Amino acid sequence: MRLGIALACLIVAACSHATLSGTSIRDTPQNRAVLDVFGRYKQALEARDPTAILALTTPDYADPGDPARGIGPTDRGVLTEKLKSDLSKVTGLRLEATVKDLEVKGEQARLDYFQVLRYAVATPSGEKWKSESDEARMRFVLLNGEWKIASGL
C-alpha cells in the first residue's frame, strides 16, 4: 500500500510543471520574456515615460479600441500623441496588475490581466488621486528576437 502511494506521488511530481510565483502560468523562458516586457512597460508607465513605452511597441502597433466605451482605434502615431498628452497631465501613477493568463504560440503571445490604475492629477485645490480598474489584454509579437507590444495599451 505504501509503495502504491509513493509511486503515485512520484508520478504526480513527474507530471507537474513549475509555475511562475503566484500564478498557474508555466515557468518557461518564453513566458518569462513576455512578462519581462510587461514589467518594463509597468516601470515606464509609472515613470510617465512615453519614449520608454513606445520603445516596447512594434512599429506597426494597432489597437481596435473599444467602441462601447468610446475608445477609437489606435495606431502608433495616435498612441505616440496620446501617451505624451495623457502622461503630461498626471503627477503620479501606479499600476497594480494581476496576471490571469499568458499564452505564447510561436511568435505571438497574449497576456490577460486585471489592472488597477491609480493616478494623480493637479487641480486648483491640489493634487487629487483617482483610480480605474478593469480586465485587460495585451498582445505581443516576437520581432528580431525581442518581444514587443503589438496592441493593448
N, C-alpha and C. Protein backbone atom coordinates (compact mmCIF):
# COMPACT_ATOMS: atom_id res chain seq x y z
N MET A 1 0.82 -1.19 0.00
CA MET A 1 0.00 0.00 0.00
C MET A 1 0.87 1.25 0.00
N ARG A 2 1.87 1.27 0.90
CA ARG A 2 2.75 2.44 0.97
C ARG A 2 3.50 2.62 -0.34
N LEU A 3 3.91 1.52 -0.95
CA LEU A 3 4.63 1.59 -2.22
C LEU A 3 3.73 2.20 -3.28
N GLY A 4 2.45 1.86 -3.28
CA GLY A 4 1.50 2.41 -4.25
C GLY A 4 1.33 3.91 -4.08
N ILE A 5 1.24 4.37 -2.83
CA ILE A 5 1.10 5.80 -2.55
C ILE A 5 2.37 6.53 -2.96
N ALA A 6 3.52 5.98 -2.64
CA ALA A 6 4.79 6.61 -3.00
C ALA A 6 4.93 6.69 -4.51
N LEU A 7 4.55 5.63 -5.21
CA LEU A 7 4.63 5.61 -6.67
C LEU A 7 3.68 6.64 -7.26
N ALA A 8 2.48 6.77 -6.72
CA ALA A 8 1.51 7.76 -7.20
C ALA A 8 2.05 9.17 -7.01
N CYS A 9 2.69 9.43 -5.87
CA CYS A 9 3.27 10.75 -5.60
C CYS A 9 4.38 11.06 -6.60
N LEU A 10 5.21 10.05 -6.91
CA LEU A 10 6.28 10.26 -7.88
C LEU A 10 5.74 10.56 -9.27
N ILE A 11 4.67 9.88 -9.66
CA ILE A 11 4.07 10.12 -10.97
C ILE A 11 3.50 11.53 -11.04
N VAL A 12 2.80 11.96 -10.00
CA VAL A 12 2.23 13.31 -9.97
C VAL A 12 3.34 14.35 -10.04
N ALA A 13 4.41 14.14 -9.29
CA ALA A 13 5.52 15.08 -9.29
C ALA A 13 6.20 15.14 -10.66
N ALA A 14 6.33 14.02 -11.30
CA ALA A 14 6.97 13.97 -12.61
C ALA A 14 6.12 14.67 -13.67
N CYS A 15 4.81 14.65 -13.52
CA CYS A 15 3.91 15.25 -14.50
C CYS A 15 3.64 16.73 -14.22
N SER A 16 3.99 17.19 -13.03
CA SER A 16 3.71 18.58 -12.72
C SER A 16 4.77 19.47 -13.36
N HIS A 17 4.41 20.71 -13.61
CA HIS A 17 5.32 21.67 -14.22
C HIS A 17 5.50 22.83 -13.27
N ALA A 18 6.68 23.38 -13.28
CA ALA A 18 6.94 24.55 -12.45
C ALA A 18 6.11 25.72 -12.97
N THR A 19 5.56 26.48 -12.05
CA THR A 19 4.75 27.64 -12.43
C THR A 19 5.41 28.90 -11.88
N LEU A 20 5.06 30.01 -12.50
CA LEU A 20 5.57 31.30 -12.04
C LEU A 20 4.88 31.64 -10.73
N SER A 21 5.60 32.21 -9.82
CA SER A 21 5.12 32.51 -8.47
C SER A 21 3.78 33.25 -8.48
N GLY A 22 2.84 32.71 -7.74
CA GLY A 22 1.54 33.35 -7.58
C GLY A 22 0.59 33.16 -8.75
N THR A 23 0.97 32.32 -9.72
CA THR A 23 0.12 32.11 -10.90
C THR A 23 0.05 30.61 -11.21
N SER A 24 -0.78 30.28 -12.18
CA SER A 24 -0.81 28.92 -12.70
C SER A 24 -0.13 28.87 -14.07
N ILE A 25 0.66 29.90 -14.37
CA ILE A 25 1.35 30.00 -15.65
C ILE A 25 2.67 29.24 -15.60
N ARG A 26 2.89 28.41 -16.60
CA ARG A 26 4.12 27.61 -16.66
C ARG A 26 5.34 28.51 -16.69
N ASP A 27 6.35 28.08 -15.98
CA ASP A 27 7.62 28.82 -15.94
C ASP A 27 8.47 28.35 -17.12
N THR A 28 8.41 29.11 -18.21
CA THR A 28 9.23 28.82 -19.39
C THR A 28 10.00 30.08 -19.77
N PRO A 29 11.07 29.93 -20.53
CA PRO A 29 11.82 31.11 -20.97
C PRO A 29 10.96 32.10 -21.77
N GLN A 30 10.07 31.57 -22.62
CA GLN A 30 9.21 32.44 -23.42
C GLN A 30 8.25 33.24 -22.53
N ASN A 31 7.62 32.55 -21.58
CA ASN A 31 6.70 33.24 -20.67
C ASN A 31 7.43 34.29 -19.85
N ARG A 32 8.61 33.95 -19.37
CA ARG A 32 9.40 34.92 -18.59
C ARG A 32 9.76 36.14 -19.45
N ALA A 33 10.11 35.91 -20.71
CA ALA A 33 10.50 37.01 -21.60
C ALA A 33 9.32 37.96 -21.85
N VAL A 34 8.13 37.41 -22.06
CA VAL A 34 6.94 38.24 -22.27
C VAL A 34 6.64 39.02 -20.99
N LEU A 35 6.67 38.36 -19.86
CA LEU A 35 6.40 39.04 -18.59
C LEU A 35 7.46 40.09 -18.26
N ASP A 36 8.68 39.88 -18.73
CA ASP A 36 9.72 40.88 -18.54
C ASP A 36 9.36 42.17 -19.31
N VAL A 37 8.88 42.03 -20.53
CA VAL A 37 8.46 43.20 -21.30
C VAL A 37 7.30 43.89 -20.60
N PHE A 38 6.35 43.11 -20.10
CA PHE A 38 5.23 43.69 -19.37
C PHE A 38 5.73 44.45 -18.13
N GLY A 39 6.71 43.89 -17.44
CA GLY A 39 7.28 44.56 -16.27
C GLY A 39 7.97 45.87 -16.64
N ARG A 40 8.67 45.87 -17.78
CA ARG A 40 9.31 47.12 -18.24
C ARG A 40 8.26 48.15 -18.65
N TYR A 41 7.14 47.68 -19.22
CA TYR A 41 6.03 48.58 -19.55
C TYR A 41 5.50 49.23 -18.26
N LYS A 42 5.29 48.43 -17.24
CA LYS A 42 4.78 48.94 -15.96
C LYS A 42 5.73 50.00 -15.39
N GLN A 43 7.02 49.71 -15.42
CA GLN A 43 8.00 50.68 -14.92
C GLN A 43 7.97 51.97 -15.73
N ALA A 44 7.91 51.87 -17.05
CA ALA A 44 7.89 53.06 -17.91
C ALA A 44 6.61 53.86 -17.69
N LEU A 45 5.49 53.15 -17.51
CA LEU A 45 4.22 53.83 -17.28
C LEU A 45 4.27 54.59 -15.96
N GLU A 46 4.74 53.93 -14.91
CA GLU A 46 4.81 54.59 -13.60
C GLU A 46 5.81 55.74 -13.59
N ALA A 47 6.81 55.68 -14.47
CA ALA A 47 7.78 56.78 -14.59
C ALA A 47 7.24 57.87 -15.51
N ARG A 48 6.07 57.61 -16.09
CA ARG A 48 5.42 58.54 -17.03
C ARG A 48 6.37 58.89 -18.18
N ASP A 49 6.96 57.84 -18.77
CA ASP A 49 7.97 57.98 -19.81
C ASP A 49 7.43 57.45 -21.15
N PRO A 50 6.83 58.33 -21.96
CA PRO A 50 6.25 57.86 -23.22
C PRO A 50 7.29 57.28 -24.18
N THR A 51 8.50 57.80 -24.16
CA THR A 51 9.55 57.29 -25.05
C THR A 51 9.89 55.84 -24.70
N ALA A 52 10.00 55.53 -23.41
CA ALA A 52 10.30 54.16 -22.99
C ALA A 52 9.15 53.22 -23.32
N ILE A 53 7.92 53.69 -23.18
CA ILE A 53 6.76 52.85 -23.53
C ILE A 53 6.77 52.55 -25.02
N LEU A 54 6.97 53.59 -25.83
CA LEU A 54 6.98 53.40 -27.29
C LEU A 54 8.10 52.46 -27.73
N ALA A 55 9.23 52.46 -27.02
CA ALA A 55 10.33 51.57 -27.36
C ALA A 55 9.96 50.11 -27.18
N LEU A 56 8.93 49.84 -26.39
CA LEU A 56 8.48 48.46 -26.15
C LEU A 56 7.44 48.00 -27.17
N THR A 57 6.99 48.89 -28.07
CA THR A 57 5.93 48.55 -29.02
C THR A 57 6.50 48.25 -30.40
N THR A 58 5.68 47.58 -31.20
CA THR A 58 6.05 47.28 -32.58
C THR A 58 5.88 48.54 -33.44
N PRO A 59 6.62 48.62 -34.54
CA PRO A 59 6.45 49.76 -35.45
C PRO A 59 5.04 49.84 -36.02
N ASP A 60 4.38 48.69 -36.15
CA ASP A 60 3.01 48.68 -36.70
C ASP A 60 1.95 48.46 -35.61
N TYR A 61 2.22 48.99 -34.42
CA TYR A 61 1.27 48.89 -33.31
C TYR A 61 -0.12 49.28 -33.80
N ALA A 62 -1.12 48.50 -33.44
CA ALA A 62 -2.50 48.80 -33.81
C ALA A 62 -3.44 48.18 -32.79
N ASP A 63 -4.39 48.98 -32.34
CA ASP A 63 -5.38 48.51 -31.38
C ASP A 63 -6.76 48.90 -31.89
N PRO A 64 -7.70 47.96 -31.93
CA PRO A 64 -9.03 48.29 -32.47
C PRO A 64 -9.84 49.22 -31.57
N GLY A 65 -9.42 49.38 -30.31
CA GLY A 65 -10.18 50.22 -29.39
C GLY A 65 -11.38 49.48 -28.82
N ASP A 66 -12.27 50.24 -28.21
CA ASP A 66 -13.49 49.68 -27.61
C ASP A 66 -14.62 50.67 -27.84
N PRO A 67 -15.33 50.54 -28.98
CA PRO A 67 -16.40 51.50 -29.30
C PRO A 67 -17.47 51.60 -28.22
N ALA A 68 -17.72 50.51 -27.49
CA ALA A 68 -18.73 50.53 -26.43
C ALA A 68 -18.35 51.50 -25.30
N ARG A 69 -17.04 51.74 -25.16
CA ARG A 69 -16.57 52.66 -24.12
C ARG A 69 -16.09 53.98 -24.71
N GLY A 70 -16.37 54.19 -26.00
CA GLY A 70 -15.98 55.44 -26.65
C GLY A 70 -14.49 55.54 -26.95
N ILE A 71 -13.81 54.40 -27.06
CA ILE A 71 -12.38 54.38 -27.34
C ILE A 71 -12.19 53.94 -28.79
N GLY A 72 -11.66 54.84 -29.60
CA GLY A 72 -11.47 54.56 -31.02
C GLY A 72 -10.20 53.77 -31.28
N PRO A 73 -10.02 53.37 -32.53
CA PRO A 73 -8.81 52.63 -32.91
C PRO A 73 -7.56 53.48 -32.68
N THR A 74 -6.45 52.80 -32.42
CA THR A 74 -5.19 53.49 -32.15
C THR A 74 -4.08 52.84 -32.95
N ASP A 75 -3.37 53.64 -33.73
CA ASP A 75 -2.16 53.16 -34.38
C ASP A 75 -0.97 53.78 -33.65
N ARG A 76 0.23 53.52 -34.13
CA ARG A 76 1.41 54.01 -33.41
C ARG A 76 1.46 55.54 -33.35
N GLY A 77 1.06 56.20 -34.42
CA GLY A 77 1.05 57.67 -34.43
C GLY A 77 0.10 58.23 -33.39
N VAL A 78 -1.10 57.70 -33.34
CA VAL A 78 -2.10 58.14 -32.36
C VAL A 78 -1.61 57.80 -30.95
N LEU A 79 -1.02 56.61 -30.79
CA LEU A 79 -0.50 56.20 -29.48
C LEU A 79 0.58 57.17 -29.00
N THR A 80 1.47 57.56 -29.89
CA THR A 80 2.55 58.48 -29.53
C THR A 80 1.98 59.78 -28.96
N GLU A 81 1.03 60.36 -29.66
CA GLU A 81 0.43 61.63 -29.20
C GLU A 81 -0.38 61.44 -27.93
N LYS A 82 -1.12 60.34 -27.86
CA LYS A 82 -1.96 60.07 -26.68
C LYS A 82 -1.10 59.89 -25.43
N LEU A 83 -0.01 59.13 -25.55
CA LEU A 83 0.86 58.93 -24.39
C LEU A 83 1.46 60.25 -23.92
N LYS A 84 1.97 61.04 -24.86
CA LYS A 84 2.57 62.33 -24.48
C LYS A 84 1.54 63.23 -23.80
N SER A 85 0.35 63.29 -24.36
CA SER A 85 -0.70 64.15 -23.80
C SER A 85 -1.18 63.64 -22.45
N ASP A 86 -1.54 62.37 -22.39
CA ASP A 86 -2.10 61.81 -21.15
C ASP A 86 -1.09 61.82 -20.00
N LEU A 87 0.14 61.43 -20.29
CA LEU A 87 1.13 61.33 -19.21
C LEU A 87 1.59 62.71 -18.72
N SER A 88 1.43 63.73 -19.56
CA SER A 88 1.81 65.08 -19.12
C SER A 88 0.78 65.66 -18.16
N LYS A 89 -0.40 65.07 -18.11
CA LYS A 89 -1.48 65.58 -17.26
C LYS A 89 -1.48 64.98 -15.86
N VAL A 90 -0.73 63.91 -15.66
CA VAL A 90 -0.73 63.26 -14.35
C VAL A 90 0.56 63.58 -13.59
N THR A 91 0.43 63.68 -12.29
CA THR A 91 1.59 63.98 -11.45
C THR A 91 2.11 62.75 -10.72
N GLY A 92 1.36 61.68 -10.77
CA GLY A 92 1.77 60.42 -10.17
C GLY A 92 0.95 59.30 -10.78
N LEU A 93 1.50 58.10 -10.80
CA LEU A 93 0.79 56.99 -11.43
C LEU A 93 1.30 55.68 -10.87
N ARG A 94 0.39 54.78 -10.54
CA ARG A 94 0.73 53.43 -10.06
C ARG A 94 -0.17 52.43 -10.76
N LEU A 95 0.44 51.34 -11.22
CA LEU A 95 -0.30 50.26 -11.86
C LEU A 95 -0.12 49.00 -11.04
N GLU A 96 -1.23 48.42 -10.60
CA GLU A 96 -1.22 47.10 -9.98
C GLU A 96 -1.82 46.15 -10.99
N ALA A 97 -1.11 45.08 -11.30
CA ALA A 97 -1.59 44.14 -12.30
C ALA A 97 -1.55 42.73 -11.74
N THR A 98 -2.65 42.02 -11.91
CA THR A 98 -2.72 40.61 -11.52
C THR A 98 -2.84 39.80 -12.80
N VAL A 99 -1.80 39.05 -13.11
CA VAL A 99 -1.79 38.25 -14.34
C VAL A 99 -2.77 37.11 -14.20
N LYS A 100 -3.65 36.99 -15.17
CA LYS A 100 -4.66 35.93 -15.17
C LYS A 100 -4.27 34.78 -16.09
N ASP A 101 -3.74 35.11 -17.27
CA ASP A 101 -3.40 34.07 -18.25
C ASP A 101 -2.35 34.60 -19.19
N LEU A 102 -1.50 33.71 -19.65
CA LEU A 102 -0.48 34.04 -20.64
C LEU A 102 -0.38 32.88 -21.60
N GLU A 103 -0.49 33.18 -22.87
CA GLU A 103 -0.39 32.14 -23.89
C GLU A 103 0.62 32.59 -24.94
N VAL A 104 1.63 31.77 -25.16
CA VAL A 104 2.63 32.03 -26.19
C VAL A 104 2.47 30.95 -27.25
N LYS A 105 2.28 31.40 -28.49
CA LYS A 105 2.17 30.48 -29.63
C LYS A 105 3.12 30.97 -30.70
N GLY A 106 4.24 30.30 -30.81
CA GLY A 106 5.23 30.69 -31.81
C GLY A 106 5.75 32.09 -31.56
N GLU A 107 5.49 32.98 -32.50
CA GLU A 107 5.99 34.35 -32.41
C GLU A 107 4.92 35.33 -31.94
N GLN A 108 3.83 34.82 -31.36
CA GLN A 108 2.77 35.67 -30.85
C GLN A 108 2.43 35.27 -29.42
N ALA A 109 2.04 36.26 -28.63
CA ALA A 109 1.67 35.99 -27.24
C ALA A 109 0.50 36.88 -26.85
N ARG A 110 -0.28 36.37 -25.89
CA ARG A 110 -1.42 37.11 -25.36
C ARG A 110 -1.34 37.06 -23.84
N LEU A 111 -1.45 38.24 -23.21
CA LEU A 111 -1.42 38.34 -21.76
C LEU A 111 -2.73 38.94 -21.29
N ASP A 112 -3.46 38.21 -20.45
CA ASP A 112 -4.69 38.69 -19.83
C ASP A 112 -4.38 39.02 -18.38
N TYR A 113 -4.85 40.18 -17.94
CA TYR A 113 -4.58 40.59 -16.57
C TYR A 113 -5.68 41.51 -16.07
N PHE A 114 -5.75 41.65 -14.75
CA PHE A 114 -6.66 42.60 -14.13
C PHE A 114 -5.80 43.76 -13.65
N GLN A 115 -6.22 44.97 -14.00
CA GLN A 115 -5.41 46.13 -13.64
C GLN A 115 -6.18 47.10 -12.75
N VAL A 116 -5.44 47.67 -11.83
CA VAL A 116 -5.93 48.79 -11.04
C VAL A 116 -4.93 49.91 -11.29
N LEU A 117 -5.42 50.97 -11.92
CA LEU A 117 -4.59 52.10 -12.26
C LEU A 117 -4.96 53.27 -11.35
N ARG A 118 -3.98 53.73 -10.59
CA ARG A 118 -4.17 54.88 -9.71
C ARG A 118 -3.32 56.01 -10.24
N TYR A 119 -3.92 57.19 -10.36
CA TYR A 119 -3.16 58.31 -10.90
C TYR A 119 -3.58 59.61 -10.22
N ALA A 120 -2.64 60.53 -10.18
CA ALA A 120 -2.87 61.83 -9.56
C ALA A 120 -2.90 62.91 -10.63
N VAL A 121 -3.84 63.82 -10.48
CA VAL A 121 -3.92 64.97 -11.39
C VAL A 121 -3.87 66.24 -10.54
N ALA A 122 -3.27 67.26 -11.13
CA ALA A 122 -3.20 68.55 -10.43
C ALA A 122 -4.52 69.28 -10.61
N THR A 123 -5.07 69.77 -9.53
CA THR A 123 -6.30 70.58 -9.57
C THR A 123 -6.01 71.90 -8.86
N PRO A 124 -6.87 72.88 -9.05
CA PRO A 124 -6.64 74.16 -8.36
C PRO A 124 -6.54 74.01 -6.84
N SER A 125 -7.21 73.02 -6.29
CA SER A 125 -7.16 72.82 -4.84
C SER A 125 -6.08 71.83 -4.41
N GLY A 126 -5.23 71.41 -5.35
CA GLY A 126 -4.14 70.49 -5.02
C GLY A 126 -4.25 69.20 -5.81
N GLU A 127 -3.36 68.29 -5.51
CA GLU A 127 -3.31 67.00 -6.19
C GLU A 127 -4.49 66.13 -5.78
N LYS A 128 -5.11 65.49 -6.77
CA LYS A 128 -6.24 64.60 -6.49
C LYS A 128 -5.97 63.24 -7.14
N TRP A 129 -6.08 62.18 -6.31
CA TRP A 129 -5.85 60.83 -6.81
C TRP A 129 -7.16 60.21 -7.27
N LYS A 130 -7.09 59.50 -8.38
CA LYS A 130 -8.24 58.79 -8.93
C LYS A 130 -7.81 57.36 -9.23
N SER A 131 -8.78 56.49 -9.47
CA SER A 131 -8.42 55.12 -9.82
C SER A 131 -9.42 54.55 -10.81
N GLU A 132 -8.93 53.62 -11.60
CA GLU A 132 -9.73 52.87 -12.57
C GLU A 132 -9.29 51.42 -12.49
N SER A 133 -10.22 50.51 -12.70
CA SER A 133 -9.86 49.10 -12.72
C SER A 133 -10.64 48.40 -13.82
N ASP A 134 -10.01 47.37 -14.39
CA ASP A 134 -10.66 46.67 -15.49
C ASP A 134 -9.83 45.45 -15.88
N GLU A 135 -10.47 44.52 -16.56
CA GLU A 135 -9.77 43.41 -17.19
C GLU A 135 -9.05 43.99 -18.40
N ALA A 136 -7.88 43.48 -18.72
CA ALA A 136 -7.12 43.99 -19.86
C ALA A 136 -6.43 42.85 -20.59
N ARG A 137 -6.11 43.10 -21.84
CA ARG A 137 -5.40 42.12 -22.67
C ARG A 137 -4.34 42.86 -23.47
N MET A 138 -3.16 42.31 -23.46
CA MET A 138 -2.06 42.87 -24.23
C MET A 138 -1.57 41.77 -25.17
N ARG A 139 -1.30 42.16 -26.40
CA ARG A 139 -0.77 41.20 -27.39
C ARG A 139 0.67 41.58 -27.70
N PHE A 140 1.49 40.54 -27.90
CA PHE A 140 2.91 40.72 -28.17
C PHE A 140 3.28 39.95 -29.43
N VAL A 141 4.33 40.39 -30.09
CA VAL A 141 4.91 39.64 -31.21
C VAL A 141 6.41 39.61 -31.01
N LEU A 142 7.02 38.54 -31.49
CA LEU A 142 8.47 38.40 -31.42
C LEU A 142 9.04 39.05 -32.67
N LEU A 143 9.84 40.09 -32.48
CA LEU A 143 10.37 40.88 -33.58
C LEU A 143 11.88 40.95 -33.43
N ASN A 144 12.59 40.36 -34.40
CA ASN A 144 14.06 40.32 -34.35
C ASN A 144 14.57 39.76 -33.03
N GLY A 145 13.92 38.71 -32.54
CA GLY A 145 14.36 38.04 -31.32
C GLY A 145 13.95 38.71 -30.03
N GLU A 146 13.12 39.76 -30.13
CA GLU A 146 12.70 40.51 -28.94
C GLU A 146 11.17 40.64 -28.92
N TRP A 147 10.57 40.39 -27.76
CA TRP A 147 9.12 40.54 -27.64
C TRP A 147 8.77 42.03 -27.60
N LYS A 148 7.75 42.40 -28.40
CA LYS A 148 7.27 43.78 -28.46
C LYS A 148 5.75 43.78 -28.30
N ILE A 149 5.23 44.87 -27.77
CA ILE A 149 3.78 45.03 -27.57
C ILE A 149 3.17 45.42 -28.91
N ALA A 150 2.19 44.62 -29.37
CA ALA A 150 1.54 44.87 -30.66
C ALA A 150 0.18 45.55 -30.49
N SER A 151 -0.45 45.37 -29.33
CA SER A 151 -1.72 46.04 -29.04
C SER A 151 -2.03 45.89 -27.55
N GLY A 152 -2.95 46.73 -27.08
CA GLY A 152 -3.41 46.59 -25.71
C GLY A 152 -3.03 47.70 -24.76
N LEU A 153 -2.46 48.79 -25.27
CA LEU A 153 -2.10 49.92 -24.39
C LEU A 153 -3.25 50.91 -24.30
